[in-house]
Amino acid sequence: MDATDRRDEPEVRLTAWVHGHVQGVGFRWWTRSRALELGLTGYAANKPDGRVQVVAQGPRSACEQLLALLRGGQTPGRVDTVVADWTEPGDPIDGFTER
């Protein structure tokens, strides 16, 4: 499904908590690149406990693709677990940033 097909899809917000060795290895940069390729907005943020929080907003199918990539084993570092939470979209987010 390309971006044109996704325009009619309802938007969602994915909040994913990524556990493992995911800080200091380019994980947030990699996530940002994949999210932008999928046309998503949001951010990836390091947390003090070693996790990375990924918040992505856009068409559900694109968010599902990002979640599959996060769980897919091709990320920088080592992902042990990804815990996902789905909600209605919040306030609009410009771009996709690393925090």
Protein backbone atom coordinates (compact mmCIF):
# COMPACT_ATOMS: atom_id res chain seq x y z
CA MET A 1 0.00 0.00 0.00
CA ASP A 2 1.52 3.33 -0.99
CA ALA A 3 1.06 6.70 0.69
CA THR A 4 -1.77 7.64 -1.71
CA ASP A 5 -3.80 4.59 -0.63
CA ARG A 6 -3.25 5.46 3.05
CA ARG A 7 -4.82 8.91 2.83
CA ASP A 8 -8.30 7.50 3.47
CA GLU A 9 -7.16 5.36 6.39
CA PRO A 10 -7.95 6.59 9.91
CA GLU A 11 -4.95 7.81 11.87
CA VAL A 12 -3.74 6.21 15.08
CA ARG A 13 -0.98 6.78 17.57
CA LEU A 14 1.46 3.99 18.36
CA THR A 15 3.52 4.23 21.52
CA ALA A 16 6.17 1.51 21.59
CA TRP A 17 8.54 0.85 24.49
CA VAL A 18 11.66 -0.84 23.14
CA HIS A 19 13.70 -2.88 25.64
CA GLY A 20 17.22 -4.19 25.08
CA HIS A 21 20.56 -2.66 24.11
CA VAL A 22 19.02 0.22 22.13
CA GLN A 23 20.83 3.34 23.37
CA GLY A 24 24.12 4.57 21.92
CA VAL A 25 23.87 2.30 18.87
CA GLY A 26 22.02 4.47 16.30
CA PHE A 27 18.62 3.02 17.15
CA ARG A 28 16.75 6.36 17.29
CA TRP A 29 18.31 7.50 13.99
CA TRP A 30 17.35 4.19 12.35
CA THR A 31 13.79 4.44 13.72
CA ARG A 32 13.45 8.02 12.47
CA SER A 33 14.58 6.98 8.98
CA ARG A 34 12.08 4.11 8.82
CA ALA A 35 9.24 6.27 10.17
CA LEU A 36 9.89 9.01 7.61
CA GLU A 37 9.96 6.42 4.80
CA LEU A 38 6.50 5.32 5.97
CA GLY A 39 5.18 8.89 6.14
CA LEU A 40 4.77 8.90 9.92
CA THR A 41 5.24 11.73 12.40
CA GLY A 42 6.43 11.44 15.98
CA TYR A 43 9.66 10.88 17.87
CA ALA A 44 12.07 8.35 19.37
CA ALA A 45 13.35 9.21 22.85
CA ASN A 46 15.97 7.65 25.12
CA LYS A 47 14.67 6.98 28.63
CA PRO A 48 16.79 6.91 31.83
CA ASP A 49 16.07 3.20 32.36
CA GLY A 50 17.70 2.24 29.04
CA ARG A 51 14.54 1.87 26.98
CA VAL A 52 13.63 3.87 23.89
CA GLN A 53 10.11 5.25 23.63
CA VAL A 54 8.82 5.47 20.06
CA VAL A 55 5.70 7.55 19.41
CA ALA A 56 4.43 7.38 15.84
CA GLN A 57 1.28 8.86 14.39
CA GLY A 58 -0.30 8.23 11.01
CA PRO A 59 -2.28 5.59 9.13
CA ARG A 60 -2.65 2.36 11.11
CA SER A 61 -1.07 0.22 8.38
CA ALA A 62 2.06 2.40 8.37
CA CYS A 63 2.28 2.27 12.17
CA GLU A 64 1.89 -1.52 12.01
CA GLN A 65 4.75 -1.67 9.49
CA LEU A 66 6.96 0.38 11.80
CA LEU A 67 6.11 -1.89 14.73
CA ALA A 68 7.01 -4.95 12.64
CA LEU A 69 10.35 -3.32 11.76
CA LEU A 70 11.06 -2.57 15.42
CA ARG A 71 10.42 -6.24 16.22
CA GLY A 72 12.05 -7.60 13.07
CA GLY A 73 15.63 -8.15 14.18
CA GLN A 74 17.28 -5.79 11.68
CA THR A 75 17.60 -2.82 14.03
CA PRO A 76 20.88 -1.45 15.37
CA GLY A 77 21.74 -2.82 18.79
CA ARG A 78 19.67 -5.62 20.29
CA VAL A 79 15.92 -5.52 20.80
CA ASP A 80 14.68 -7.90 23.49
CA THR A 81 11.04 -6.83 23.73
CA VAL A 82 8.72 -4.24 22.23
CA VAL A 83 5.59 -3.32 24.18
CA ALA A 84 3.03 -1.48 22.04
CA ASP A 85 0.07 0.69 23.00
CA TRP A 86 -2.48 1.92 20.45
CA THR A 87 -4.52 5.08 21.00
CA GLU A 88 -6.40 7.72 19.08
CA PRO A 89 -4.10 10.32 17.53
CA GLY A 90 -3.19 13.21 19.79
CA ASP A 91 -2.25 16.72 18.81
CA PRO A 92 -0.56 16.92 15.41
CA ILE A 93 3.19 16.26 15.47
CA ASP A 94 5.50 17.90 12.94
CA GLY A 95 8.07 15.58 11.38
CA PHE A 96 9.79 12.74 13.21
CA THR A 97 12.52 13.66 15.66
CA GLU A 98 15.12 12.08 17.89
CA ARG A 99 14.87 13.18 21.51
